[in-house]
Amino acid sequence: MKTRILAVAGALVLLSAPALAFRCPSDVAVIDKTLAAGPDLSVDQYTEVMASRFDGEALHKAGKHAEAVAMLAKALDILKADKERPPSYY
């Protein structure tokens, strides 16, 4: 019985990774779209948004999708672009 529970839990973890992977590019697109609109940001905010955006994209490419989503969320929070984000997959 324990083996079945562990197998099902493992399968769910493996199946959730692609959902996170698909979210990263959409978050990057929202960040880019919001920046293109010329938001009113300080230099420090702009620097932090860009650092979070590029770090998040690098984490995504490295396969660290949960970390990438968290990093991209920092940029989105600064930009106050949460309402444009797609629904969470986790």
N, C-alpha and C. Protein backbone atom coordinates (compact mmCIF):
# COMPACT_ATOMS: atom_id res chain seq x y z
N MET A 1 0.82 -1.19 0.00
CA MET A 1 0.00 0.00 0.00
C MET A 1 0.87 1.26 0.00
N LYS A 2 1.92 1.25 0.82
CA LYS A 2 2.81 2.41 0.87
C LYS A 2 3.49 2.62 -0.48
N THR A 3 3.81 1.53 -1.13
CA THR A 3 4.47 1.63 -2.43
C THR A 3 3.56 2.31 -3.45
N ARG A 4 2.30 1.96 -3.43
CA ARG A 4 1.35 2.59 -4.35
C ARG A 4 1.20 4.08 -4.08
N ILE A 5 1.12 4.43 -2.80
CA ILE A 5 0.99 5.84 -2.44
C ILE A 5 2.22 6.61 -2.90
N LEU A 6 3.39 6.06 -2.68
CA LEU A 6 4.63 6.71 -3.12
C LEU A 6 4.71 6.80 -4.64
N ALA A 7 4.24 5.79 -5.32
CA ALA A 7 4.26 5.81 -6.78
C ALA A 7 3.32 6.89 -7.32
N VAL A 8 2.14 6.99 -6.74
CA VAL A 8 1.19 8.01 -7.17
C VAL A 8 1.72 9.40 -6.86
N ALA A 9 2.29 9.58 -5.68
CA ALA A 9 2.86 10.88 -5.32
C ALA A 9 4.00 11.25 -6.26
N GLY A 10 4.85 10.30 -6.58
CA GLY A 10 5.95 10.55 -7.50
C GLY A 10 5.45 10.92 -8.88
N ALA A 11 4.42 10.25 -9.34
CA ALA A 11 3.86 10.55 -10.65
C ALA A 11 3.26 11.96 -10.68
N LEU A 12 2.60 12.35 -9.60
CA LEU A 12 2.03 13.70 -9.54
C LEU A 12 3.12 14.77 -9.57
N VAL A 13 4.20 14.53 -8.89
CA VAL A 13 5.32 15.48 -8.91
C VAL A 13 5.89 15.60 -10.32
N LEU A 14 6.07 14.48 -10.98
CA LEU A 14 6.61 14.51 -12.34
C LEU A 14 5.66 15.18 -13.32
N LEU A 15 4.38 15.01 -13.11
CA LEU A 15 3.40 15.62 -14.01
C LEU A 15 3.24 17.13 -13.78
N SER A 16 3.58 17.60 -12.58
CA SER A 16 3.43 19.03 -12.31
C SER A 16 4.57 19.85 -12.89
N ALA A 17 5.73 19.27 -13.14
CA ALA A 17 6.87 20.01 -13.68
C ALA A 17 6.58 20.65 -15.03
N PRO A 18 5.94 19.95 -15.98
CA PRO A 18 5.65 20.62 -17.25
C PRO A 18 4.70 21.80 -17.10
N ALA A 19 3.79 21.73 -16.16
CA ALA A 19 2.87 22.86 -15.96
C ALA A 19 3.64 24.10 -15.52
N LEU A 20 4.59 23.92 -14.64
CA LEU A 20 5.43 25.05 -14.23
C LEU A 20 6.28 25.54 -15.38
N ALA A 21 6.76 24.62 -16.20
CA ALA A 21 7.62 24.99 -17.33
C ALA A 21 6.87 25.87 -18.31
N PHE A 22 5.60 25.62 -18.53
CA PHE A 22 4.83 26.40 -19.48
C PHE A 22 4.44 27.77 -18.93
N ARG A 23 4.45 27.91 -17.64
CA ARG A 23 4.09 29.19 -17.03
C ARG A 23 5.22 30.21 -17.18
N CYS A 24 6.46 29.77 -17.12
CA CYS A 24 7.60 30.69 -17.16
C CYS A 24 7.58 31.60 -18.39
N PRO A 25 7.46 31.05 -19.59
CA PRO A 25 7.46 31.93 -20.77
C PRO A 25 6.30 32.93 -20.76
N SER A 26 5.16 32.54 -20.24
CA SER A 26 4.03 33.48 -20.21
C SER A 26 4.30 34.60 -19.20
N ASP A 27 4.94 34.28 -18.08
CA ASP A 27 5.31 35.32 -17.12
C ASP A 27 6.32 36.29 -17.72
N VAL A 28 7.31 35.76 -18.44
CA VAL A 28 8.31 36.61 -19.11
C VAL A 28 7.62 37.52 -20.11
N ALA A 29 6.66 36.99 -20.84
CA ALA A 29 5.94 37.78 -21.83
C ALA A 29 5.15 38.92 -21.17
N VAL A 30 4.54 38.65 -20.03
CA VAL A 30 3.79 39.68 -19.31
C VAL A 30 4.76 40.76 -18.82
N ILE A 31 5.91 40.36 -18.32
CA ILE A 31 6.92 41.33 -17.86
C ILE A 31 7.36 42.21 -19.03
N ASP A 32 7.68 41.58 -20.15
CA ASP A 32 8.13 42.33 -21.32
C ASP A 32 7.04 43.29 -21.82
N LYS A 33 5.80 42.83 -21.85
CA LYS A 33 4.68 43.66 -22.31
C LYS A 33 4.48 44.85 -21.38
N THR A 34 4.58 44.61 -20.09
CA THR A 34 4.40 45.68 -19.11
C THR A 34 5.53 46.70 -19.21
N LEU A 35 6.76 46.23 -19.37
CA LEU A 35 7.90 47.14 -19.53
C LEU A 35 7.79 47.95 -20.81
N ALA A 36 7.28 47.35 -21.87
CA ALA A 36 7.13 48.06 -23.14
C ALA A 36 6.12 49.20 -23.02
N ALA A 37 5.18 49.08 -22.10
CA ALA A 37 4.18 50.12 -21.89
C ALA A 37 4.74 51.32 -21.14
N GLY A 38 5.98 51.21 -20.64
CA GLY A 38 6.62 52.32 -19.95
C GLY A 38 6.07 52.60 -18.57
N PRO A 39 6.14 51.64 -17.66
CA PRO A 39 5.63 51.86 -16.31
C PRO A 39 6.47 52.90 -15.57
N ASP A 40 5.88 53.52 -14.57
CA ASP A 40 6.56 54.52 -13.76
C ASP A 40 7.36 53.79 -12.67
N LEU A 41 8.64 53.53 -12.94
CA LEU A 41 9.51 52.82 -12.01
C LEU A 41 10.72 53.66 -11.68
N SER A 42 11.21 53.49 -10.45
CA SER A 42 12.50 54.10 -10.11
C SER A 42 13.60 53.28 -10.76
N VAL A 43 14.81 53.83 -10.74
CA VAL A 43 15.95 53.10 -11.32
C VAL A 43 16.17 51.80 -10.57
N ASP A 44 16.04 51.82 -9.25
CA ASP A 44 16.22 50.61 -8.45
C ASP A 44 15.16 49.56 -8.78
N GLN A 45 13.92 50.00 -8.94
CA GLN A 45 12.85 49.06 -9.28
C GLN A 45 13.09 48.45 -10.66
N TYR A 46 13.47 49.29 -11.61
CA TYR A 46 13.73 48.80 -12.97
C TYR A 46 14.87 47.78 -12.96
N THR A 47 15.92 48.08 -12.22
CA THR A 47 17.07 47.17 -12.12
C THR A 47 16.65 45.84 -11.52
N GLU A 48 15.84 45.89 -10.46
CA GLU A 48 15.38 44.66 -9.81
C GLU A 48 14.46 43.85 -10.72
N VAL A 49 13.58 44.53 -11.45
CA VAL A 49 12.70 43.84 -12.39
C VAL A 49 13.51 43.12 -13.46
N MET A 50 14.47 43.83 -14.04
CA MET A 50 15.27 43.23 -15.10
C MET A 50 16.12 42.06 -14.58
N ALA A 51 16.69 42.21 -13.39
CA ALA A 51 17.49 41.12 -12.81
C ALA A 51 16.61 39.90 -12.55
N SER A 52 15.43 40.14 -11.98
CA SER A 52 14.51 39.02 -11.70
C SER A 52 14.04 38.37 -12.99
N ARG A 53 13.78 39.16 -14.00
CA ARG A 53 13.31 38.63 -15.28
C ARG A 53 14.36 37.74 -15.92
N PHE A 54 15.61 38.23 -15.99
CA PHE A 54 16.66 37.43 -16.63
C PHE A 54 17.08 36.24 -15.78
N ASP A 55 17.10 36.39 -14.45
CA ASP A 55 17.39 35.25 -13.58
C ASP A 55 16.30 34.19 -13.70
N GLY A 56 15.05 34.63 -13.75
CA GLY A 56 13.93 33.69 -13.90
C GLY A 56 14.00 32.93 -15.21
N GLU A 57 14.35 33.64 -16.27
CA GLU A 57 14.48 32.97 -17.58
C GLU A 57 15.63 31.97 -17.57
N ALA A 58 16.73 32.31 -16.91
CA ALA A 58 17.87 31.39 -16.82
C ALA A 58 17.51 30.16 -16.00
N LEU A 59 16.79 30.36 -14.90
CA LEU A 59 16.35 29.21 -14.09
C LEU A 59 15.41 28.31 -14.89
N HIS A 60 14.53 28.90 -15.67
CA HIS A 60 13.63 28.12 -16.53
C HIS A 60 14.43 27.27 -17.50
N LYS A 61 15.41 27.88 -18.15
CA LYS A 61 16.23 27.13 -19.11
C LYS A 61 17.05 26.04 -18.44
N ALA A 62 17.36 26.23 -17.15
CA ALA A 62 18.12 25.23 -16.39
C ALA A 62 17.21 24.14 -15.84
N GLY A 63 15.90 24.25 -16.07
CA GLY A 63 14.97 23.23 -15.61
C GLY A 63 14.50 23.41 -14.18
N LYS A 64 14.80 24.55 -13.57
CA LYS A 64 14.40 24.82 -12.19
C LYS A 64 13.15 25.70 -12.22
N HIS A 65 12.04 25.08 -12.60
CA HIS A 65 10.84 25.83 -12.91
C HIS A 65 10.16 26.45 -11.70
N ALA A 66 10.13 25.78 -10.58
CA ALA A 66 9.51 26.36 -9.39
C ALA A 66 10.28 27.60 -8.95
N GLU A 67 11.61 27.53 -9.00
CA GLU A 67 12.43 28.67 -8.65
C GLU A 67 12.25 29.80 -9.66
N ALA A 68 12.11 29.44 -10.93
CA ALA A 68 11.91 30.44 -11.98
C ALA A 68 10.61 31.18 -11.78
N VAL A 69 9.54 30.46 -11.47
CA VAL A 69 8.23 31.09 -11.24
C VAL A 69 8.32 32.05 -10.06
N ALA A 70 9.02 31.65 -9.00
CA ALA A 70 9.17 32.52 -7.83
C ALA A 70 9.96 33.78 -8.19
N MET A 71 11.02 33.62 -8.97
CA MET A 71 11.84 34.77 -9.36
C MET A 71 11.04 35.72 -10.27
N LEU A 72 10.31 35.16 -11.20
CA LEU A 72 9.50 36.00 -12.10
C LEU A 72 8.37 36.69 -11.34
N ALA A 73 7.88 36.05 -10.30
CA ALA A 73 6.81 36.66 -9.49
C ALA A 73 7.31 37.93 -8.81
N LYS A 74 8.60 37.97 -8.45
CA LYS A 74 9.15 39.19 -7.86
C LYS A 74 9.04 40.35 -8.83
N ALA A 75 9.41 40.11 -10.08
CA ALA A 75 9.32 41.16 -11.09
C ALA A 75 7.87 41.58 -11.31
N LEU A 76 6.99 40.61 -11.39
CA LEU A 76 5.57 40.91 -11.60
C LEU A 76 4.98 41.70 -10.44
N ASP A 77 5.42 41.40 -9.23
CA ASP A 77 4.92 42.14 -8.07
C ASP A 77 5.36 43.60 -8.11
N ILE A 78 6.62 43.83 -8.49
CA ILE A 78 7.11 45.21 -8.60
C ILE A 78 6.34 45.96 -9.68
N LEU A 79 6.07 45.27 -10.78
CA LEU A 79 5.34 45.89 -11.88
C LEU A 79 3.84 45.98 -11.63
N LYS A 80 3.39 45.33 -10.56
CA LYS A 80 1.96 45.27 -10.24
C LYS A 80 1.17 44.71 -11.42
N ALA A 81 1.74 43.68 -12.03
CA ALA A 81 1.13 43.07 -13.21
C ALA A 81 0.41 41.77 -12.87
N ASP A 82 0.12 41.53 -11.59
CA ASP A 82 -0.52 40.28 -11.18
C ASP A 82 -1.83 40.03 -11.89
N LYS A 83 -2.61 41.07 -12.15
CA LYS A 83 -3.92 40.86 -12.76
C LYS A 83 -3.81 40.36 -14.19
N GLU A 84 -2.62 40.52 -14.82
CA GLU A 84 -2.44 40.06 -16.19
C GLU A 84 -1.88 38.64 -16.25
N ARG A 85 -1.47 38.12 -15.10
CA ARG A 85 -0.86 36.79 -15.07
C ARG A 85 -1.90 35.72 -15.31
N PRO A 86 -1.49 34.64 -15.98
CA PRO A 86 -2.41 33.50 -16.13
C PRO A 86 -2.63 32.85 -14.78
N PRO A 87 -3.67 32.07 -14.63
CA PRO A 87 -3.92 31.40 -13.36
C PRO A 87 -2.78 30.45 -13.01
N SER A 88 -2.56 30.29 -11.73
CA SER A 88 -1.48 29.43 -11.24
C SER A 88 -1.77 27.98 -11.57
N TYR A 89 -0.75 27.26 -11.90
CA TYR A 89 -0.90 25.83 -12.21
C TYR A 89 -0.60 24.95 -11.02
N TYR A 90 -0.25 25.54 -9.90
CA TYR A 90 0.06 24.75 -8.72
C TYR A 90 -0.60 25.32 -7.51
